[in-house]
């Protein structure tokens, strides 16, 4: 190359690599933001919002749509279930998406669910 690399050059390369990795991590966090918001707000379509947030990040417009969708008020009740069953099913789905594992009882209910009724 015609010149010798010293420790400052290697430090510069290390800082550039660290900056690139941190920028990628920040972009990944921003892409997942709509999904995290939807999960925290107990959105019934949280998984779809999460996927749309990641998939639509490069095109920007779908990511903005997912961000707005995460804040949309949801009063949706599935008419195939009673409201109490809908709430339990939604809690189970949110727990699955967040990575929580619950062991069902012998009657098929979650061990931490309310057994009254």
C-alpha atoms as a PDB file:
ATOM      1  CA  UNK A   1       0.000   0.000   0.000  1.00  0.00           C
ATOM      2  CA  UNK A   2       2.967   2.303   0.409  1.00  0.00           C
ATOM      3  CA  UNK A   3       2.269   3.265   4.015  1.00  0.00           C
ATOM      4  CA  UNK A   4       2.103   1.530   7.355  1.00  0.00           C
ATOM      5  CA  UNK A   5      -1.098   1.242   9.419  1.00  0.00           C
ATOM      6  CA  UNK A   6      -0.738   2.223  13.046  1.00  0.00           C
ATOM      7  CA  UNK A   7      -3.047   1.803  16.044  1.00  0.00           C
ATOM      8  CA  UNK A   8      -5.060   4.953  15.179  1.00  0.00           C
ATOM      9  CA  UNK A   9      -6.041   3.466  11.838  1.00  0.00           C
ATOM     10  CA  UNK A  10      -7.236   0.273  13.487  1.00  0.00           C
ATOM     11  CA  UNK A  11      -9.162   2.316  16.069  1.00  0.00           C
ATOM     12  CA  UNK A  12     -10.810   4.236  13.220  1.00  0.00           C
ATOM     13  CA  UNK A  13     -11.868   0.978  11.548  1.00  0.00           C
ATOM     14  CA  UNK A  14     -13.263  -0.290  14.862  1.00  0.00           C
ATOM     15  CA  UNK A  15     -15.284   2.910  15.397  1.00  0.00           C
ATOM     16  CA  UNK A  16     -16.683   2.750  11.853  1.00  0.00           C
ATOM     17  CA  UNK A  17     -17.755  -0.869  12.335  1.00  0.00           C
ATOM     18  CA  UNK A  18     -19.326  -0.102  15.737  1.00  0.00           C
ATOM     19  CA  UNK A  19     -21.201   2.876  14.273  1.00  0.00           C
ATOM     20  CA  UNK A  20     -22.517   0.748  11.393  1.00  0.00           C
ATOM     21  CA  UNK A  21     -23.727  -1.984  13.745  1.00  0.00           C
ATOM     22  CA  UNK A  22     -25.411   0.525  16.058  1.00  0.00           C
ATOM     23  CA  UNK A  23     -27.181   2.202  13.125  1.00  0.00           C
ATOM     24  CA  UNK A  24     -28.484  -1.192  11.958  1.00  0.00           C
ATOM     25  CA  UNK A  25     -29.725  -2.013  15.479  1.00  0.00           C
ATOM     26  CA  UNK A  26     -31.517   1.329  15.748  1.00  0.00           C
ATOM     27  CA  UNK A  27     -33.197   0.789  12.364  1.00  0.00           C
ATOM     28  CA  UNK A  28     -34.246  -2.724  13.417  1.00  0.00           C
ATOM     29  CA  UNK A  29     -35.726  -1.318  16.665  1.00  0.00           C
ATOM     30  CA  UNK A  30     -37.652   1.360  14.731  1.00  0.00           C
ATOM     31  CA  UNK A  31     -38.972  -1.270  12.285  1.00  0.00           C
ATOM     32  CA  UNK A  32     -40.363  -3.328  15.194  1.00  0.00           C
ATOM     33  CA  UNK A  33     -41.946  -0.361  16.966  1.00  0.00           C
ATOM     34  CA  UNK A  34     -45.481  -0.763  15.514  1.00  0.00           C
ATOM     35  CA  UNK A  35     -45.556  -4.414  16.610  1.00  0.00           C
ATOM     36  CA  UNK A  36     -44.417  -3.547  20.148  1.00  0.00           C
ATOM     37  CA  UNK A  37     -47.047  -0.830  20.405  1.00  0.00           C
ATOM     38  CA  UNK A  38     -49.774  -3.173  19.149  1.00  0.00           C
ATOM     39  CA  UNK A  39     -48.763  -5.865  21.663  1.00  0.00           C
ATOM     40  CA  UNK A  40     -48.739  -3.430  24.558  1.00  0.00           C
ATOM     41  CA  UNK A  41     -52.181  -2.096  23.579  1.00  0.00           C
ATOM     42  CA  UNK A  42     -53.564  -5.685  23.318  1.00  0.00           C
ATOM     43  CA  UNK A  43     -54.444  -5.221  19.645  1.00  0.00           C
ATOM     44  CA  UNK A  44     -56.275  -8.266  18.206  1.00  0.00           C
ATOM     45  CA  UNK A  45     -54.237  -8.035  14.979  1.00  0.00           C
ATOM     46  CA  UNK A  46     -50.901  -7.520  16.751  1.00  0.00           C
ATOM     47  CA  UNK A  47     -49.084 -10.192  14.754  1.00  0.00           C
ATOM     48  CA  UNK A  48     -50.156  -8.647  11.436  1.00  0.00           C
ATOM     49  CA  UNK A  49     -49.077  -5.196  12.634  1.00  0.00           C
ATOM     50  CA  UNK A  50     -45.710  -6.626  13.704  1.00  0.00           C
ATOM     51  CA  UNK A  51     -45.103  -8.328  10.345  1.00  0.00           C
ATOM     52  CA  UNK A  52     -46.212  -5.253   8.414  1.00  0.00           C
ATOM     53  CA  UNK A  53     -43.876  -3.084  10.471  1.00  0.00           C
ATOM     54  CA  UNK A  54     -40.841  -5.185   9.587  1.00  0.00           C
ATOM     55  CA  UNK A  55     -41.819  -5.956   5.985  1.00  0.00           C
ATOM     56  CA  UNK A  56     -42.878  -2.420   5.134  1.00  0.00           C
ATOM     57  CA  UNK A  57     -39.945  -0.594   6.695  1.00  0.00           C
ATOM     58  CA  UNK A  58     -37.915  -0.204   3.499  1.00  0.00           C
ATOM     59  CA  UNK A  59     -40.897   1.087   1.510  1.00  0.00           C
ATOM     60  CA  UNK A  60     -41.831   3.501   4.386  1.00  0.00           C
ATOM     61  CA  UNK A  61     -45.541   3.863   3.461  1.00  0.00           C
ATOM     62  CA  UNK A  62     -46.556   0.386   4.732  1.00  0.00           C
ATOM     63  CA  UNK A  63     -44.542   1.031   7.923  1.00  0.00           C
ATOM     64  CA  UNK A  64     -46.466   4.274   8.508  1.00  0.00           C
ATOM     65  CA  UNK A  65     -49.713   2.372   7.905  1.00  0.00           C
ATOM     66  CA  UNK A  66     -48.656  -0.266  10.477  1.00  0.00           C
ATOM     67  CA  UNK A  67     -47.754   2.477  12.961  1.00  0.00           C
ATOM     68  CA  UNK A  68     -51.206   4.073  12.593  1.00  0.00           C
ATOM     69  CA  UNK A  69     -52.886   0.655  12.727  1.00  0.00           C
ATOM     70  CA  UNK A  70     -51.145  -0.094  16.031  1.00  0.00           C
ATOM     71  CA  UNK A  71     -52.879   2.917  17.616  1.00  0.00           C
ATOM     72  CA  UNK A  72     -56.304   2.252  16.070  1.00  0.00           C
ATOM     73  CA  UNK A  73     -58.916   1.658  18.774  1.00  0.00           C
ATOM     74  CA  UNK A  74     -60.175  -1.896  18.737  1.00  0.00           C
ATOM     75  CA  UNK A  75     -63.605  -2.805  19.972  1.00  0.00           C
ATOM     76  CA  UNK A  76     -63.765  -5.953  17.864  1.00  0.00           C
ATOM     77  CA  UNK A  77     -65.539  -8.925  19.414  1.00  0.00           C
ATOM     78  CA  UNK A  78     -65.574 -12.228  17.600  1.00  0.00           C
ATOM     79  CA  UNK A  79     -69.243 -13.262  17.473  1.00  0.00           C
ATOM     80  CA  UNK A  80     -68.264 -16.946  17.508  1.00  0.00           C
ATOM     81  CA  UNK A  81     -67.172 -16.620  21.147  1.00  0.00           C
ATOM     82  CA  UNK A  82     -68.518 -15.056  24.272  1.00  0.00           C
ATOM     83  CA  UNK A  83     -66.678 -11.875  25.376  1.00  0.00           C
ATOM     84  CA  UNK A  84     -64.950 -13.639  28.322  1.00  0.00           C
ATOM     85  CA  UNK A  85     -63.654 -16.362  26.009  1.00  0.00           C
ATOM     86  CA  UNK A  86     -62.542 -13.709  23.508  1.00  0.00           C
ATOM     87  CA  UNK A  87     -60.555 -11.905  26.205  1.00  0.00           C
ATOM     88  CA  UNK A  88     -58.883 -15.158  27.302  1.00  0.00           C
ATOM     89  CA  UNK A  89     -58.055 -16.091  23.701  1.00  0.00           C
ATOM     90  CA  UNK A  90     -56.591 -12.638  23.073  1.00  0.00           C
ATOM     91  CA  UNK A  91     -54.484 -12.819  26.269  1.00  0.00           C
ATOM     92  CA  UNK A  92     -53.210 -16.257  25.201  1.00  0.00           C
ATOM     93  CA  UNK A  93     -52.314 -14.972  21.725  1.00  0.00           C
ATOM     94  CA  UNK A  94     -50.551 -11.884  23.129  1.00  0.00           C
ATOM     95  CA  UNK A  95     -48.619 -14.128  25.531  1.00  0.00           C
ATOM     96  CA  UNK A  96     -47.607 -16.384  22.652  1.00  0.00           C
ATOM     97  CA  UNK A  97     -46.397 -13.428  20.613  1.00  0.00           C
ATOM     98  CA  UNK A  98     -44.396 -12.081  23.557  1.00  0.00           C
ATOM     99  CA  UNK A  99     -42.803 -15.476  24.131  1.00  0.00           C
ATOM    100  CA  UNK A 100     -44.507 -16.340  27.416  1.00  0.00           C
ATOM    101  CA  UNK A 101     -45.223 -20.008  28.043  1.00  0.00           C
ATOM    102  CA  UNK A 102     -48.150 -21.025  30.195  1.00  0.00           C
ATOM    103  CA  UNK A 103     -48.988 -24.552  31.211  1.00  0.00           C
ATOM    104  CA  UNK A 104     -52.646 -25.512  30.789  1.00  0.00           C
ATOM    105  CA  UNK A 105     -54.521 -27.175  33.655  1.00  0.00           C
ATOM    106  CA  UNK A 106     -56.145 -30.574  33.341  1.00  0.00           C
ATOM    107  CA  UNK A 107     -59.400 -28.941  32.136  1.00  0.00           C
ATOM    108  CA  UNK A 108     -57.537 -27.118  29.345  1.00  0.00           C
ATOM    109  CA  UNK A 109     -57.409 -23.674  30.938  1.00  0.00           C
ATOM    110  CA  UNK A 110     -54.268 -21.705  31.635  1.00  0.00           C
ATOM    111  CA  UNK A 111     -52.889 -22.137  35.133  1.00  0.00           C
ATOM    112  CA  UNK A 112     -52.898 -18.399  35.831  1.00  0.00           C
ATOM    113  CA  UNK A 113     -56.384 -17.684  34.417  1.00  0.00           C
ATOM    114  CA  UNK A 114     -59.428 -16.978  36.520  1.00  0.00           C
ATOM    115  CA  UNK A 115     -61.414 -20.202  37.016  1.00  0.00           C
ATOM    116  CA  UNK A 116     -64.595 -18.520  38.251  1.00  0.00           C
ATOM    117  CA  UNK A 117     -67.754 -18.805  36.228  1.00  0.00           C
END
